[in-house]
């Protein structure tokens, strides 16, 4: 089960003024799910308005209805096998999303699996969050025990040229559990639980 407080803690660090996101990448797909444009950039190089707009996409995943729209799943050993999807996503995370070969391969794989019949986008956010120490009285203390490094993915229909709408699907990897990285877990978002994006969830968990 996801602890709502964990998600709220991460969400508080997704503001233009003090975002833990350092890089954003994405691909735009046509109605046949072929990528017709990609980007990969330092998040801080975006304008304040673009940072706010893109953070709103990422926050949709974290701020959704916990344990209903956003659910926690354990990754099996099969899903984490060498050469599998989660090895690729781990590589994307560990290189700070700076290797376009990794992200391009992910777009290719997801384009093969998701065919909604309309233009859509896939955005990836890479962040590092210095998790502050919290005392036994739940007050924040000086310093940090851990740096939580993560990916957020969002999938949205396009509502204009290169303009993603509200995310319909996404995930947070690794899951943020007990205020730290849970490397064997992923939090998956479906705006309509059990709806059209259920096949994407199955694909992710199979790896």
Protein backbone atom coordinates (compact mmCIF):
# COMPACT_ATOMS: atom_id res chain seq x y z
CA UNK A 1 0.00 0.00 0.00
CA UNK A 2 1.14 3.53 -0.76
CA UNK A 3 1.49 5.94 2.14
CA UNK A 4 -0.25 9.15 1.10
CA UNK A 5 2.18 11.22 3.18
CA UNK A 6 5.09 9.93 1.08
CA UNK A 7 3.39 11.14 -2.11
CA UNK A 8 2.61 14.51 -0.56
CA UNK A 9 6.24 14.89 0.52
CA UNK A 10 7.43 14.36 -3.05
CA UNK A 11 4.74 16.63 -4.47
CA UNK A 12 5.93 19.48 -2.26
CA UNK A 13 9.25 19.33 -4.11
CA UNK A 14 7.62 19.70 -7.52
CA UNK A 15 7.29 23.47 -7.68
CA UNK A 16 9.10 25.74 -10.18
CA UNK A 17 10.98 27.46 -7.35
CA UNK A 18 12.36 24.33 -5.67
CA UNK A 19 11.87 21.38 -7.95
CA UNK A 20 13.76 18.13 -7.38
CA UNK A 21 13.40 17.44 -11.14
CA UNK A 22 16.64 18.07 -12.98
CA UNK A 23 15.91 16.80 -16.47
CA UNK A 24 12.91 16.27 -18.74
CA UNK A 25 12.65 14.25 -21.94
CA UNK A 26 9.79 13.19 -24.12
CA UNK A 27 8.43 11.94 -27.41
CA UNK A 28 5.40 12.89 -29.49
CA UNK A 29 3.57 10.12 -31.32
CA UNK A 30 1.19 10.26 -34.28
CA UNK A 31 -2.11 8.36 -34.46
CA UNK A 32 -0.25 5.23 -35.59
CA UNK A 33 2.08 5.45 -32.56
CA UNK A 34 5.17 6.39 -34.54
CA UNK A 35 7.39 8.94 -32.78
CA UNK A 36 7.54 12.13 -34.87
CA UNK A 37 9.57 14.26 -32.47
CA UNK A 38 11.65 13.94 -29.29
CA UNK A 39 13.44 16.24 -26.83
CA UNK A 40 15.76 15.93 -23.85
CA UNK A 41 16.82 18.97 -21.85
CA UNK A 42 17.97 20.34 -18.52
CA UNK A 43 14.80 21.20 -16.64
CA UNK A 44 16.22 24.44 -15.24
CA UNK A 45 16.75 25.76 -18.77
CA UNK A 46 12.99 25.92 -19.30
CA UNK A 47 11.10 29.13 -18.71
CA UNK A 48 9.26 29.50 -15.40
CA UNK A 49 5.95 29.02 -17.23
CA UNK A 50 7.11 25.85 -19.00
CA UNK A 51 8.50 24.44 -15.75
CA UNK A 52 5.14 24.97 -14.04
CA UNK A 53 3.22 23.45 -16.96
CA UNK A 54 5.40 20.35 -17.10
CA UNK A 55 5.50 19.87 -13.33
CA UNK A 56 1.71 19.84 -13.38
CA UNK A 57 1.92 16.71 -15.55
CA UNK A 58 4.29 14.97 -13.13
CA UNK A 59 2.20 15.99 -10.12
CA UNK A 60 -0.89 14.41 -11.66
CA UNK A 61 0.75 11.02 -11.07
CA UNK A 62 1.77 11.68 -7.47
CA UNK A 63 -1.30 13.66 -6.43
CA UNK A 64 -3.83 11.18 -7.80
CA UNK A 65 -6.17 9.06 -5.70
CA UNK A 66 -3.72 6.92 -3.71
CA UNK A 67 -4.27 3.15 -3.86
CA UNK A 68 -7.07 3.63 -6.40
CA UNK A 69 -5.64 5.55 -9.35
CA UNK A 70 -2.05 5.21 -8.13
CA UNK A 71 -1.17 1.68 -7.00
CA UNK A 72 1.99 0.02 -5.77
CA UNK A 73 3.27 -3.14 -7.45
CA UNK A 74 6.19 -5.41 -6.65
CA UNK A 75 8.45 -6.18 -9.60
CA UNK A 76 9.11 -9.88 -10.08
CA UNK A 77 12.53 -11.36 -10.71
CA UNK A 78 11.36 -12.10 -14.26
CA UNK A 79 10.49 -8.43 -14.81
CA UNK A 80 13.95 -7.41 -13.55
CA UNK A 81 15.78 -9.90 -15.75
CA UNK A 82 18.89 -8.81 -17.72
CA UNK A 83 17.88 -7.21 -21.00
CA UNK A 84 14.34 -6.51 -19.81
CA UNK A 85 12.35 -3.29 -19.62
CA UNK A 86 13.23 -2.53 -16.01
CA UNK A 87 16.94 -2.92 -16.67
CA UNK A 88 16.46 -0.28 -19.39
CA UNK A 89 14.55 2.06 -17.06
CA UNK A 90 17.19 1.60 -14.37
CA UNK A 91 19.86 2.55 -16.92
CA UNK A 92 17.87 5.66 -17.90
CA UNK A 93 17.65 6.64 -14.23
CA UNK A 94 21.28 5.93 -13.39
CA UNK A 95 22.67 7.97 -16.31
CA UNK A 96 20.54 10.92 -15.23
CA UNK A 97 18.52 10.55 -18.46
CA UNK A 98 21.45 11.93 -20.47
CA UNK A 99 21.79 9.00 -22.89
CA UNK A 100 19.36 9.46 -25.78
CA UNK A 101 19.95 5.89 -26.97
CA UNK A 102 18.25 4.59 -23.80
CA UNK A 103 15.27 6.97 -23.96
CA UNK A 104 14.81 6.41 -27.71
CA UNK A 105 14.67 2.65 -27.13
CA UNK A 106 12.04 3.14 -24.42
CA UNK A 107 9.92 5.26 -26.78
CA UNK A 108 10.21 2.57 -29.43
CA UNK A 109 9.09 -0.14 -27.02
CA UNK A 110 6.17 1.81 -25.60
CA UNK A 111 5.07 2.87 -29.09
CA UNK A 112 4.79 -0.80 -30.01
CA UNK A 113 2.56 -1.49 -27.00
CA UNK A 114 0.31 1.59 -26.85
CA UNK A 115 -1.89 2.33 -29.87
CA UNK A 116 -4.78 4.57 -28.83
CA UNK A 117 -5.52 5.63 -32.41
CA UNK A 118 -4.83 9.31 -31.75
CA UNK A 119 -1.74 11.52 -31.28
CA UNK A 120 -0.18 11.21 -27.84
CA UNK A 121 2.94 11.97 -25.85
CA UNK A 122 5.25 10.23 -23.41
CA UNK A 123 7.20 12.47 -21.01
CA UNK A 124 9.97 11.36 -18.64
CA UNK A 125 11.14 13.33 -15.60
CA UNK A 126 14.37 12.56 -13.76
CA UNK A 127 14.90 13.88 -10.27
CA UNK A 128 17.01 13.63 -7.15
CA UNK A 129 15.45 14.37 -3.78
CA UNK A 130 17.61 14.88 -0.68
CA UNK A 131 15.33 13.20 1.83
CA UNK A 132 15.46 15.30 5.01
CA UNK A 133 15.85 13.63 8.37
CA UNK A 134 12.71 13.54 10.47
CA UNK A 135 12.98 13.17 14.25
CA UNK A 136 10.92 10.92 16.49
CA UNK A 137 8.64 13.90 17.13
CA UNK A 138 8.15 14.15 13.30
CA UNK A 139 9.93 17.50 13.18
CA UNK A 140 12.40 18.10 10.33
CA UNK A 141 16.07 17.97 11.33
CA UNK A 142 19.25 19.25 9.68
CA UNK A 143 20.84 17.11 6.94
CA UNK A 144 19.82 14.23 4.74
CA UNK A 145 20.18 10.47 5.15
CA UNK A 146 19.46 9.51 1.55
CA UNK A 147 19.25 10.88 -1.97
CA UNK A 148 16.19 9.42 -3.65
CA UNK A 149 16.74 9.24 -7.42
CA UNK A 150 13.64 8.63 -9.48
CA UNK A 151 11.83 8.63 -12.82
CA UNK A 152 8.29 9.81 -13.41
CA UNK A 153 6.63 8.87 -16.69
CA UNK A 154 3.41 10.43 -18.03
CA UNK A 155 1.35 9.48 -21.07
CA UNK A 156 -1.19 11.97 -22.39
CA UNK A 157 -3.30 12.52 -25.48
CA UNK A 158 -2.24 15.60 -27.42
CA UNK A 159 -4.73 18.47 -27.27
CA UNK A 160 -2.78 20.62 -29.72
CA UNK A 161 0.44 20.49 -31.65
CA UNK A 162 3.02 19.22 -29.16
CA UNK A 163 0.64 20.04 -26.30
CA UNK A 164 -0.07 17.14 -23.90
CA UNK A 165 -3.36 17.00 -22.06
CA UNK A 166 -3.96 15.65 -18.56
CA UNK A 167 -2.04 12.38 -18.10
CA UNK A 168 -4.00 9.17 -18.55
CA UNK A 169 -1.20 6.85 -17.45
CA UNK A 170 2.15 7.05 -15.73
CA UNK A 171 4.46 5.64 -13.12
CA UNK A 172 6.96 6.52 -10.41
CA UNK A 173 10.09 4.34 -10.31
CA UNK A 174 11.40 3.27 -7.94
CA UNK A 175 8.52 3.59 -5.52
CA UNK A 176 9.02 6.04 -2.65
CA UNK A 177 8.32 3.83 0.37
CA UNK A 178 8.98 4.59 4.03
CA UNK A 179 10.69 7.79 2.83
CA UNK A 180 13.23 5.99 0.68
CA UNK A 181 13.76 4.15 -2.59
CA UNK A 182 12.02 0.77 -2.84
CA UNK A 183 13.92 -0.65 -5.81
CA UNK A 184 11.69 -3.70 -6.19
CA UNK A 185 8.49 -1.64 -6.39
CA UNK A 186 6.86 0.72 -8.87
CA UNK A 187 3.85 3.01 -8.38
CA UNK A 188 1.60 2.90 -11.47
CA UNK A 189 -1.01 5.56 -12.31
CA UNK A 190 -4.18 4.95 -14.35
CA UNK A 191 -6.59 7.88 -14.55
CA UNK A 192 -9.37 5.35 -15.16
CA UNK A 193 -8.43 2.26 -13.14
CA UNK A 194 -8.98 -0.87 -15.19
CA UNK A 195 -9.64 1.23 -18.30
CA UNK A 196 -7.86 1.41 -21.66
CA UNK A 197 -4.39 1.76 -20.11
CA UNK A 198 -4.64 -1.50 -18.18
CA UNK A 199 -2.65 -3.24 -20.94
CA UNK A 200 0.21 -0.82 -20.36
CA UNK A 201 0.23 -1.71 -16.67
CA UNK A 202 0.41 -5.42 -17.54
CA UNK A 203 3.25 -4.76 -19.95
CA UNK A 204 5.22 -2.79 -17.37
CA UNK A 205 4.85 -5.45 -14.73
CA UNK A 206 5.83 -8.23 -17.09
CA UNK A 207 8.91 -6.24 -18.00
